Amino acid sequence: MARSEPLLIVGASHAGTQLAAAAREQGFDAPIVLLGDEPHTPYQRPPLSKGVLTGKTEVDQLALRGPDFYREQGIDLRLGVRVTGLDLSTRRLRLADGGQLDFGWLALATGARCRPLPVPGADLQGVHILRTLDDAQAVVAALGASQRACVIGGGFIGLEVAAALSSVGASVTVVESQPRLLARTFPAAMSDYVADAHRRRGVALALGCGVRALHGHQGRVVAVELVDGRRIDCDLVVLGIGVQPNSELAEQAGIACDNGILVDALGRSSAPNVLAIGDVANMALAAVPGGPQRARLESIQAANDGARAAATLLVGRPQPLDAVPWFWSEQHELKFQMAGLPAPGDQTVLRGELASDKFTLFYLREGAVRAAHTVNRPAEHMLARKLIAQGARIAPELLADPSVDLKSFFTPPRPAG
């Protein structure tokens, strides 16, 4: 394939923008076209459920890159463009406006969308999702006339929203169908800690009970009815029940998908010259004893790391992704930082005290550090990532002892050459 054939990137969020930037940084000199279906210049998404809702972050602070970046880097940014079809045989995209675009390389960074709530009343006014800037601004606008909020879903987004709404004076109830918060991510002890942390800060929790219906008056939501008959009066509902990957474009083209687009550690899909990165990519992971073989990692860092790995392929110097996955969440004044991927059966070791709101929970597998969850300990989080990358073996009693300097267990990499 001639180098002059363009790279088309479908999706102008973190992963797509990072791929365009990394490709240029690494010397990719062919045309790059970055297509976004939103009207907004690429922006940061994490603040949407935090600073934007509280008013601490202004919209003009969200831009991923400066206003001149795309022009200076020769990146053709096109906003408000929706792709409707992909023809692999001709390497051509079909657009909603009837246009077509040819590509040499194609990167699908189409992200994910919020799961709908399949109950009566989910379409009432006052019921919101939170995925885009427009979504966040709609919630902010609704807050002015709202006093009682119900957040449906006790995952990270739901809890961040609950914390943000509570901090600006709303009375907040979180409804979670599982018997504990963050059940897919945290062990029971951490779930209990998070639940207690929110309750102590005024957030009510309704756990282990699903939603039967939303009720309205004159077209606006006024209550959430639970399956056990309880009724939560509210004038604002925010749904946070997870996301599903926007993989339809790939599926219709015959590209292998399973909970996202299946890719290797360089972002390569089953179709030649078609990459997938970000939330839509179900990526092969570096082999770790007892760990998953692949995963769809919904985090900014995974999007950026995957994009950088894909860029190395574009310039002919492939370096597969092998970074330790990590992500973070802010709830109230608590900063959660998660590194590695825990697995069922891991031994957990607590360093610090839960009641202090400053601690680390380490996860050991076959004697090696494989994951760590920290609260308000950013330096320990950074060190944990290094220990996980090395598969460091540390006795549980030493991990738990705050007087032991964990830096002594980290072996700096040898200089190249």
Protein backbone atom coordinates (compact mmCIF):
# COMPACT_ATOMS: atom_id res chain seq x y z
CA MET A 1 0.00 0.00 0.00
CA ALA A 2 1.34 3.41 -0.90
CA ARG A 3 2.11 5.68 2.03
CA SER A 4 0.15 8.48 0.37
CA GLU A 5 -3.17 6.74 0.98
CA PRO A 6 -4.99 8.47 3.84
CA LEU A 7 -5.66 7.36 7.38
CA LEU A 8 -9.33 7.83 8.21
CA ILE A 9 -10.25 7.87 11.90
CA VAL A 10 -13.92 7.45 12.77
CA GLY A 11 -14.45 8.98 16.20
CA ALA A 12 -12.96 12.23 17.48
CA SER A 13 -12.74 11.58 21.21
CA HIS A 14 -9.70 10.56 23.26
CA ALA A 15 -8.62 7.50 21.29
CA GLY A 16 -9.14 8.98 17.84
CA THR A 17 -7.47 12.28 18.66
CA GLN A 18 -4.55 10.51 20.35
CA LEU A 19 -4.04 8.26 17.33
CA ALA A 20 -3.89 11.24 14.98
CA ALA A 21 -1.40 13.01 17.26
CA ALA A 22 0.75 9.92 17.89
CA ALA A 23 0.87 9.06 14.19
CA ARG A 24 2.22 12.50 13.39
CA GLU A 25 4.68 12.40 16.30
CA GLN A 26 6.06 9.09 15.03
CA GLY A 27 6.48 10.30 11.46
CA PHE A 28 3.32 9.22 9.64
CA ASP A 29 3.23 11.64 6.70
CA ALA A 30 0.15 10.56 4.76
CA PRO A 31 -3.12 12.52 5.00
CA ILE A 32 -5.10 12.07 8.23
CA VAL A 33 -8.86 12.70 8.33
CA LEU A 34 -10.48 12.71 11.78
CA LEU A 35 -14.27 12.36 11.69
CA GLY A 36 -16.45 13.28 14.66
CA ASP A 37 -20.23 12.95 14.78
CA GLU A 38 -20.60 15.62 17.48
CA PRO A 39 -20.44 19.34 16.64
CA HIS A 40 -17.85 19.99 19.35
CA THR A 41 -14.08 20.09 18.95
CA PRO A 42 -12.64 16.95 20.63
CA TYR A 43 -12.97 17.31 24.40
CA GLN A 44 -12.17 15.55 27.66
CA ARG A 45 -14.91 13.28 28.94
CA PRO A 46 -13.91 12.53 32.58
CA PRO A 47 -14.83 16.04 33.82
CA LEU A 48 -18.39 15.63 32.51
CA SER A 49 -19.44 13.60 35.55
CA LYS A 50 -17.33 15.65 37.94
CA GLY A 51 -16.29 19.28 37.40
CA VAL A 52 -18.84 20.15 34.71
CA LEU A 53 -21.76 19.12 36.93
CA THR A 54 -20.42 21.04 39.90
CA GLY A 55 -19.49 24.13 37.90
CA LYS A 56 -15.79 23.81 38.77
CA THR A 57 -14.87 23.05 35.14
CA GLU A 58 -15.90 25.39 32.34
CA VAL A 59 -16.65 24.11 28.85
CA ASP A 60 -13.75 26.06 27.38
CA GLN A 61 -11.38 24.07 29.63
CA LEU A 62 -12.34 20.73 28.11
CA ALA A 63 -10.52 20.82 24.75
CA LEU A 64 -8.16 17.91 24.18
CA ARG A 65 -5.87 20.03 22.00
CA GLY A 66 -5.33 23.71 21.36
CA PRO A 67 -7.24 25.50 18.60
CA ASP A 68 -4.32 25.47 16.15
CA PHE A 69 -3.17 21.90 16.76
CA TYR A 70 -5.11 20.18 13.97
CA ARG A 71 -4.11 22.69 11.33
CA GLU A 72 -0.47 22.70 12.38
CA GLN A 73 -0.30 18.90 12.35
CA GLY A 74 -2.05 18.55 9.02
CA ILE A 75 -5.02 16.74 10.55
CA ASP A 76 -8.26 17.28 8.66
CA LEU A 77 -10.81 17.50 11.49
CA ARG A 78 -14.40 17.21 10.29
CA LEU A 79 -17.17 17.60 12.85
CA GLY A 80 -20.85 16.69 12.64
CA VAL A 81 -20.06 13.82 10.26
CA ARG A 82 -21.86 10.49 10.70
CA VAL A 83 -20.55 7.36 9.01
CA THR A 84 -23.29 4.95 7.91
CA GLY A 85 -21.44 2.20 6.09
CA LEU A 86 -18.09 0.54 5.47
CA ASP A 87 -17.10 -1.33 2.29
CA LEU A 88 -13.95 -3.35 2.87
CA SER A 89 -13.57 -4.44 -0.74
CA THR A 90 -13.27 -0.88 -2.02
CA ARG A 91 -11.87 0.61 1.22
CA ARG A 92 -14.59 3.20 1.29
CA LEU A 93 -16.77 4.82 3.94
CA ARG A 94 -20.34 5.93 3.29
CA LEU A 95 -21.53 9.10 5.03
CA ALA A 96 -24.99 10.13 6.18
CA ASP A 97 -24.99 13.10 3.80
CA GLY A 98 -24.51 10.80 0.82
CA GLY A 99 -20.78 11.40 0.51
CA GLN A 100 -18.02 8.81 0.41
CA LEU A 101 -14.42 8.70 1.63
CA ASP A 102 -11.66 6.34 0.52
CA PHE A 103 -9.01 5.12 2.94
CA GLY A 104 -5.69 3.35 3.04
CA TRP A 105 -5.79 2.77 6.78
CA LEU A 106 -9.02 2.94 8.77
CA ALA A 107 -9.23 3.32 12.55
CA LEU A 108 -12.56 2.79 14.28
CA ALA A 109 -12.69 4.83 17.49
CA THR A 110 -16.47 4.83 17.66
CA GLY A 111 -16.65 4.47 21.44
CA ALA A 112 -19.70 3.28 23.32
CA ARG A 113 -23.18 4.50 24.19
CA CYS A 114 -25.26 4.39 27.34
CA ARG A 115 -27.42 1.35 27.88
CA PRO A 116 -31.13 2.22 27.85
CA LEU A 117 -33.35 1.52 30.83
CA PRO A 118 -36.02 -0.91 29.55
CA VAL A 119 -38.90 0.09 31.82
CA PRO A 120 -42.06 2.21 31.40
CA GLY A 121 -41.45 5.92 31.82
CA ALA A 122 -37.80 5.91 30.79
CA ASP A 123 -38.61 8.51 28.12
CA LEU A 124 -40.13 11.06 30.52
CA GLN A 125 -38.73 14.58 30.70
CA GLY A 126 -36.21 14.88 33.49
CA VAL A 127 -34.62 11.50 32.72
CA HIS A 128 -31.03 11.92 31.54
CA ILE A 129 -27.99 9.96 30.45
CA LEU A 130 -24.42 11.19 30.76
CA ARG A 131 -22.01 10.40 27.96
CA THR A 132 -21.48 13.56 25.93
CA LEU A 133 -20.97 17.25 26.57
CA ASP A 134 -24.56 17.91 25.48
CA ASP A 135 -25.74 15.32 28.02
CA ALA A 136 -23.79 17.00 30.82
CA GLN A 137 -25.08 20.45 29.92
CA ALA A 138 -28.64 19.10 29.92
CA VAL A 139 -28.17 17.76 33.45
CA VAL A 140 -26.68 21.08 34.59
CA ALA A 141 -29.65 22.93 33.11
CA ALA A 142 -32.09 20.59 34.87
CA LEU A 143 -30.36 21.06 38.23
CA GLY A 144 -31.68 24.59 38.53
CA ALA A 145 -35.22 23.31 38.92
CA SER A 146 -34.41 20.09 40.77
CA GLN A 147 -34.08 19.28 44.44
CA ARG A 148 -34.36 15.50 44.57
CA ALA A 149 -32.27 13.34 42.24
CA CYS A 150 -32.26 9.61 41.68
CA VAL A 151 -29.20 8.04 40.08
CA ILE A 152 -29.92 4.59 38.65
CA GLY A 153 -26.74 2.54 38.63
CA GLY A 154 -24.05 2.20 41.29
CA GLY A 155 -21.01 1.95 39.04
CA PHE A 156 -18.27 4.54 38.71
CA ILE A 157 -20.23 6.99 36.55
CA GLY A 158 -23.33 6.73 38.70
CA LEU A 159 -21.37 7.30 41.90
CA GLU A 160 -19.44 10.22 40.42
CA VAL A 161 -22.71 11.82 39.36
CA ALA A 162 -24.24 11.18 42.77
CA ALA A 163 -21.27 12.83 44.49
CA ALA A 164 -21.38 15.81 42.14
CA LEU A 165 -25.12 16.37 42.50
CA SER A 166 -24.91 16.03 46.27
CA SER A 167 -22.10 18.59 46.43
CA VAL A 168 -24.29 21.22 44.75
CA GLY A 169 -27.15 20.71 47.20
CA ALA A 170 -29.38 18.07 45.64
CA SER A 171 -30.87 15.29 47.74
CA VAL A 172 -29.57 12.14 46.04
CA THR A 173 -30.56 8.48 46.09
CA VAL A 174 -28.55 5.83 44.21
CA VAL A 175 -30.41 2.72 43.06
CA GLU A 176 -28.30 -0.36 42.31
CA SER A 177 -29.78 -3.73 41.32
CA GLN A 178 -26.78 -5.65 42.68
CA PRO A 179 -26.56 -6.19 46.45
CA ARG A 180 -23.44 -4.02 46.61
CA LEU A 181 -21.82 -1.12 44.76
CA LEU A 182 -19.16 -1.71 42.10
CA ALA A 183 -19.67 -5.45 42.42
CA ARG A 184 -17.92 -6.21 39.10
CA THR A 185 -14.80 -4.27 40.10
CA PHE A 186 -14.37 -4.33 43.89
CA PRO A 187 -14.34 -7.09 46.51
CA ALA A 188 -16.98 -6.90 49.23
CA ALA A 189 -14.78 -4.99 51.69
CA MET A 190 -14.15 -2.20 49.16
CA SER A 191 -17.81 -2.10 48.13
CA ASP A 192 -18.78 -1.69 51.77
CA TYR A 193 -16.24 1.09 52.19
CA VAL A 194 -17.59 2.98 49.16
CA ALA A 195 -21.18 2.57 50.35
CA ASP A 196 -20.31 3.86 53.82
CA ALA A 197 -18.35 6.77 52.32
CA HIS A 198 -21.36 7.92 50.30
CA ARG A 199 -23.83 7.45 53.14
CA ARG A 200 -21.62 9.48 55.48
CA ARG A 201 -21.74 12.31 52.93
CA GLY A 202 -25.51 12.33 52.67
CA VAL A 203 -26.18 10.07 49.67
CA ALA A 204 -28.95 7.51 50.22
CA LEU A 205 -28.51 4.03 48.73
CA ALA A 206 -31.10 1.48 47.62
CA LEU A 207 -29.14 -1.71 46.97
CA GLY A 208 -30.18 -5.12 45.66
CA CYS A 209 -33.36 -3.89 44.02
CA GLY A 210 -34.15 -3.15 40.39
CA VAL A 211 -36.42 -0.52 38.86
CA ARG A 212 -39.96 -1.44 37.83
CA ALA A 213 -41.05 1.88 36.32
CA LEU A 214 -40.59 5.61 36.27
CA HIS A 215 -43.68 7.66 36.99
CA GLY A 216 -44.47 11.11 35.68
CA HIS A 217 -46.87 14.02 35.99
CA GLN A 218 -47.62 16.16 32.96
CA GLY A 219 -44.80 14.44 31.10
CA ARG A 220 -42.10 14.96 33.74
CA VAL A 221 -40.61 12.33 36.01
CA VAL A 222 -41.79 12.51 39.62
CA ALA A 223 -40.86 9.11 41.06
CA VAL A 224 -38.89 5.89 40.57
CA GLU A 225 -40.75 2.71 41.50
CA LEU A 226 -38.60 -0.24 42.59
CA VAL A 227 -39.48 -3.89 42.03
CA ASP A 228 -40.12 -4.34 45.76
CA GLY A 229 -42.78 -1.61 45.66
CA ARG A 230 -40.78 1.19 47.19
CA ARG A 231 -41.19 4.61 45.60
CA ILE A 232 -38.45 7.22 45.43
CA ASP A 233 -39.82 10.70 44.79
CA CYS A 234 -37.57 12.77 42.54
CA ASP A 235 -37.58 15.46 39.87
CA LEU A 236 -34.34 14.43 38.18
CA VAL A 237 -33.13 10.97 37.12
CA VAL A 238 -29.69 10.17 35.75
CA LEU A 239 -29.10 6.74 34.25
CA GLY A 240 -25.72 5.10 34.78
CA ILE A 241 -26.32 1.43 34.02
CA GLY A 242 -23.32 0.85 31.82
CA VAL A 243 -22.49 1.20 28.15
CA GLN A 244 -22.46 -0.93 25.03
CA PRO A 245 -19.83 -0.64 22.28
CA ASN A 246 -20.66 1.10 19.02
CA SER A 247 -19.47 -1.83 16.92
CA GLU A 248 -22.33 -1.95 14.40
CA LEU A 249 -20.26 -0.43 11.60
CA ALA A 250 -17.68 -3.21 11.96
CA GLU A 251 -20.28 -5.94 12.41
CA GLN A 252 -22.13 -4.97 9.24
CA ALA A 253 -18.85 -5.09 7.32
CA GLY A 254 -18.13 -8.61 8.55
CA ILE A 255 -15.31 -7.70 10.96
CA ALA A 256 -14.98 -10.07 13.94
CA CYS A 257 -16.74 -8.68 17.02
CA ASP A 258 -17.62 -9.98 20.46
CA ASN A 259 -18.51 -7.34 23.04
CA GLY A 260 -16.69 -4.85 20.85
CA ILE A 261 -14.33 -5.18 17.88
CA LEU A 262 -11.79 -7.95 18.45
CA VAL A 263 -8.24 -6.64 18.06
CA ASP A 264 -4.70 -7.65 18.92
CA ALA A 265 -2.28 -5.67 21.07
CA LEU A 266 -1.60 -3.35 18.13
CA GLY A 267 -5.26 -2.61 17.52
CA ARG A 268 -5.49 -4.76 14.38
CA SER A 269 -8.95 -6.14 13.60
CA SER A 270 -9.75 -9.19 11.47
CA ALA A 271 -9.90 -6.94 8.38
CA PRO A 272 -6.68 -5.81 6.66
CA ASN A 273 -5.72 -2.20 7.35
CA VAL A 274 -8.63 -1.71 9.78
CA LEU A 275 -7.78 -0.83 13.38
CA ALA A 276 -10.01 -0.36 16.42
CA ILE A 277 -9.09 1.62 19.53
CA GLY A 278 -10.76 3.02 22.63
CA ASP A 279 -13.98 1.84 24.26
CA VAL A 280 -15.12 -0.05 21.16
CA ALA A 281 -11.99 -2.26 21.07
CA ASN A 282 -11.93 -5.66 22.78
CA MET A 283 -8.15 -5.90 22.98
CA ALA A 284 -5.81 -8.84 23.52
CA LEU A 285 -3.91 -8.35 26.77
CA ALA A 286 -0.39 -9.23 27.81
CA ALA A 287 -0.29 -12.70 29.36
CA VAL A 288 -0.60 -12.57 33.15
CA PRO A 289 -1.10 -15.76 35.22
CA GLY A 290 -4.78 -16.03 36.07
CA GLY A 291 -5.64 -12.81 34.24
CA PRO A 292 -8.02 -12.27 31.31
CA GLN A 293 -6.79 -12.90 27.79
CA ARG A 294 -8.60 -9.89 26.41
CA ALA A 295 -10.86 -7.11 27.64
CA ARG A 296 -12.68 -3.98 26.59
CA LEU A 297 -11.09 -1.43 28.91
CA GLU A 298 -13.30 1.62 29.32
CA SER A 299 -10.72 4.15 30.45
CA ILE A 300 -8.95 7.18 29.07
CA GLN A 301 -5.54 5.67 29.72
CA ALA A 302 -6.41 2.49 27.83
CA ALA A 303 -7.66 4.62 24.93
CA ASN A 304 -4.46 6.64 24.84
CA ASP A 305 -2.15 3.64 25.26
CA GLY A 306 -4.00 1.67 22.58
CA ALA A 307 -3.82 4.62 20.20
CA ARG A 308 -0.06 4.97 20.69
CA ALA A 309 0.43 1.25 20.02
CA ALA A 310 -1.65 1.49 16.83
CA ALA A 311 0.43 4.47 15.69
CA THR A 312 3.59 2.36 15.83
CA LEU A 313 2.01 -0.02 13.34
CA LEU A 314 1.18 2.81 10.96
CA VAL A 315 4.85 3.84 10.74
CA GLY A 316 6.17 0.31 10.40
CA ARG A 317 7.73 0.03 13.87
CA PRO A 318 5.12 -2.05 15.72
CA GLN A 319 5.30 -2.01 19.51
CA PRO A 320 2.35 -3.95 20.97
CA LEU A 321 0.59 -2.52 23.99
CA ASP A 322 1.91 -4.01 27.23
CA ALA A 323 1.23 -1.20 29.73
CA VAL A 324 -0.44 -1.99 33.04
CA PRO A 325 -4.07 -0.87 32.70
CA TRP A 326 -5.14 1.80 35.17
CA PHE A 327 -7.97 4.23 35.70
CA TRP A 328 -9.32 6.60 38.30
CA SER A 329 -12.51 7.99 39.77
CA GLU A 330 -13.29 11.02 41.91
CA GLN A 331 -16.20 10.82 44.34
CA HIS A 332 -16.65 13.57 46.92
CA GLU A 333 -13.10 14.33 48.12
CA LEU A 334 -12.00 10.73 47.51
CA LYS A 335 -9.68 9.90 44.62
CA PHE A 336 -9.80 6.22 43.68
CA GLN A 337 -6.94 4.95 41.50
CA MET A 338 -7.03 1.40 40.18
CA ALA A 339 -4.08 -0.42 38.60
CA GLY A 340 -4.01 -3.89 37.10
CA LEU A 341 -6.92 -6.29 36.74
CA PRO A 342 -7.96 -8.23 39.86
CA ALA A 343 -9.25 -11.77 39.42
CA PRO A 344 -11.55 -13.94 41.55
CA GLY A 345 -9.55 -15.73 44.22
CA ASP A 346 -6.83 -13.08 44.53
CA GLN A 347 -5.44 -12.60 48.03
CA THR A 348 -6.15 -9.07 49.26
CA VAL A 349 -3.80 -7.16 51.53
CA LEU A 350 -4.80 -3.84 53.10
CA ARG A 351 -2.11 -1.19 53.65
CA GLY A 352 -3.49 1.58 55.83
CA GLU A 353 -6.90 2.00 57.46
CA LEU A 354 -10.20 2.21 55.62
CA ALA A 355 -11.53 4.72 58.15
CA SER A 356 -8.71 7.14 57.33
CA ASP A 357 -9.81 7.50 53.69
CA LYS A 358 -6.15 6.92 52.76
CA PHE A 359 -5.16 3.35 51.99
CA THR A 360 -4.17 0.81 49.35
CA LEU A 361 -5.68 -2.61 48.78
CA PHE A 362 -3.21 -4.90 47.02
CA TYR A 363 -4.18 -8.04 45.11
CA LEU A 364 -1.77 -10.98 45.11
CA ARG A 365 -1.95 -13.93 42.73
CA GLU A 366 0.48 -16.83 43.06
CA GLY A 367 2.51 -14.60 45.37
CA ALA A 368 2.90 -11.72 42.90
CA VAL A 369 1.34 -8.24 43.01
CA ARG A 370 -1.23 -8.19 40.18
CA ALA A 371 -3.48 -5.24 41.04
CA ALA A 372 -3.91 -2.42 43.52
CA HIS A 373 -6.72 -0.06 44.47
CA THR A 374 -5.71 3.14 46.24
CA VAL A 375 -7.73 5.89 47.89
CA ASN A 376 -6.07 9.29 48.24
CA ARG A 377 -2.57 7.80 47.90
CA PRO A 378 -1.38 8.91 44.45
CA ALA A 379 2.31 8.20 45.09
CA GLU A 380 1.54 4.67 46.21
CA HIS A 381 -0.61 4.18 43.11
CA MET A 382 2.32 5.13 40.87
CA LEU A 383 4.60 2.72 42.71
CA ALA A 384 1.98 -0.03 42.56
CA ARG A 385 1.88 0.24 38.78
CA LYS A 386 5.62 -0.40 38.66
CA LEU A 387 5.36 -3.34 41.05
CA ILE A 388 2.53 -4.85 38.99
CA ALA A 389 4.51 -4.45 35.76
CA GLN A 390 7.39 -6.37 37.33
CA GLY A 391 5.18 -9.00 38.93
CA ALA A 392 6.93 -8.19 42.21
CA ARG A 393 6.72 -10.82 44.91
CA ILE A 394 6.25 -9.26 48.33
CA ALA A 395 5.22 -11.07 51.51
CA PRO A 396 1.71 -10.03 52.59
CA GLU A 397 2.90 -8.93 56.03
CA LEU A 398 5.42 -6.58 54.42
CA LEU A 399 2.83 -5.13 52.06
CA ALA A 400 0.53 -4.46 54.98
CA ASP A 401 3.19 -2.78 57.13
CA PRO A 402 3.18 1.00 56.47
CA SER A 403 6.69 1.29 57.91
CA VAL A 404 8.11 -0.87 55.11
CA ASP A 405 9.38 1.13 52.13
CA LEU A 406 7.86 -0.55 49.09
CA LYS A 407 10.32 1.23 46.81
CA SER A 408 12.94 -1.29 47.91
CA PHE A 409 11.01 -4.00 46.03
CA PHE A 410 11.10 -2.15 42.73
CA THR A 411 13.97 -2.98 40.40
CA PRO A 412 14.66 -0.12 37.95
CA PRO A 413 14.98 -1.31 34.35
CA ARG A 414 18.48 -1.63 32.99
CA PRO A 415 19.57 1.01 30.47
CA ALA A 416 19.33 -0.11 26.85
CA GLY A 417 22.53 -1.12 25.15
